[in-house]
Amino acid sequence: LTQLRTGHAPLQAHLSKIRKVDSPTCPCCRQHPETVFHYLFQCSAHRMHRNQLHRKIGQRNMNPMALLTEKDLLKHLFRYVDETKRF
């Protein structure tokens, strides 16, 4: 959770900044830098899991502030992370 909140998650954009990988490009969609925001809200490769998350938490909570801070949403966030198998 702390990694997602700070942007220091093992996603390509951060790993590229610390020179652990050559490119910040998302390995799943290969279209955009893989930032936390991209991973959670934009990546086309995770659309199915994101849609499941959306159905569980509702439109009002599909934003970084709610998803990363609301205690009752965390179990849904962690399920998304687990199902996408990116960490």
Protein backbone atom coordinates (compact mmCIF):
# COMPACT_ATOMS: atom_id res chain seq x y z
CA LEU A 1 0.00 0.00 0.00
CA THR A 2 2.80 2.38 0.88
CA GLN A 3 4.51 1.68 -2.43
CA LEU A 4 1.34 2.50 -4.36
CA ARG A 5 0.76 5.66 -2.33
CA THR A 6 4.31 6.94 -2.82
CA GLY A 7 4.76 5.82 -6.41
CA HIS A 8 7.68 3.60 -5.39
CA ALA A 9 5.94 0.44 -6.52
CA PRO A 10 7.70 -2.20 -8.63
CA LEU A 11 6.20 -0.80 -11.82
CA GLN A 12 8.24 0.14 -14.87
CA ALA A 13 8.17 3.93 -14.40
CA HIS A 14 9.70 3.71 -10.93
CA LEU A 15 12.07 0.88 -11.83
CA SER A 16 13.28 2.92 -14.78
CA LYS A 17 13.94 5.93 -12.52
CA ILE A 18 16.14 3.85 -10.25
CA ARG A 19 17.82 2.23 -13.26
CA LYS A 20 16.60 -1.31 -12.65
CA VAL A 21 14.98 -1.52 -16.10
CA ASP A 22 15.72 0.25 -19.37
CA SER A 23 12.25 1.53 -20.20
CA PRO A 24 9.32 2.98 -18.24
CA THR A 25 6.90 1.55 -20.81
CA CYS A 26 4.20 -0.74 -19.46
CA PRO A 27 5.04 -4.35 -20.36
CA CYS A 28 1.36 -5.27 -20.38
CA CYS A 29 -0.06 -2.78 -22.90
CA ARG A 30 3.23 -1.47 -24.33
CA GLN A 31 1.67 1.95 -24.89
CA HIS A 32 2.33 4.22 -21.90
CA PRO A 33 4.70 4.57 -18.96
CA GLU A 34 3.62 2.17 -16.23
CA THR A 35 2.93 4.57 -13.39
CA VAL A 36 0.69 3.77 -10.43
CA PHE A 37 -2.11 5.77 -12.04
CA HIS A 38 -1.70 3.95 -15.35
CA TYR A 39 -1.64 0.57 -13.60
CA LEU A 40 -4.74 1.26 -11.53
CA PHE A 41 -6.89 3.28 -13.94
CA GLN A 42 -5.71 3.16 -17.55
CA CYS A 43 -3.89 0.03 -18.64
CA SER A 44 -5.94 -1.78 -21.27
CA ALA A 45 -4.38 -5.10 -20.29
CA HIS A 46 -6.02 -4.89 -16.85
CA ARG A 47 -9.44 -3.77 -18.09
CA MET A 48 -11.26 -6.93 -16.99
CA HIS A 49 -9.89 -6.75 -13.44
CA ARG A 50 -10.46 -2.98 -13.29
CA ASN A 51 -14.10 -3.49 -14.35
CA GLN A 52 -14.53 -6.02 -11.54
CA LEU A 53 -13.01 -3.52 -9.11
CA HIS A 54 -15.32 -0.81 -10.42
CA ARG A 55 -18.40 -3.00 -9.91
CA LYS A 56 -17.34 -3.74 -6.33
CA ILE A 57 -16.51 -0.20 -5.21
CA GLY A 58 -18.64 2.02 -7.48
CA GLN A 59 -17.85 4.97 -9.70
CA ARG A 60 -17.56 7.42 -6.81
CA ASN A 61 -14.60 5.48 -5.39
CA MET A 62 -12.74 4.92 -8.67
CA ASN A 63 -10.16 7.61 -7.99
CA PRO A 64 -6.69 7.50 -6.43
CA MET A 65 -7.63 9.42 -3.29
CA ALA A 66 -10.45 7.06 -2.33
CA LEU A 67 -8.90 3.83 -3.54
CA LEU A 68 -5.58 4.38 -1.77
CA THR A 69 -6.96 5.78 1.49
CA GLU A 70 -10.44 4.42 2.27
CA LYS A 71 -10.09 1.51 4.67
CA ASP A 72 -13.16 -0.33 3.39
CA LEU A 73 -11.81 -0.26 -0.19
CA LEU A 74 -8.40 -1.73 0.55
CA LYS A 75 -9.49 -5.37 0.33
CA HIS A 76 -10.79 -4.66 -3.19
CA LEU A 77 -7.58 -2.85 -4.13
CA PHE A 78 -5.47 -5.76 -2.90
CA ARG A 79 -7.63 -8.23 -4.81
CA TYR A 80 -7.01 -6.18 -7.97
CA VAL A 81 -3.25 -6.18 -7.32
CA ASP A 82 -3.30 -9.93 -6.70
CA GLU A 83 -5.38 -10.71 -9.78
CA THR A 84 -3.26 -8.61 -12.14
CA LYS A 85 -0.12 -10.42 -10.97
CA ARG A 86 2.09 -7.35 -11.53
CA PHE A 87 3.76 -7.46 -8.08
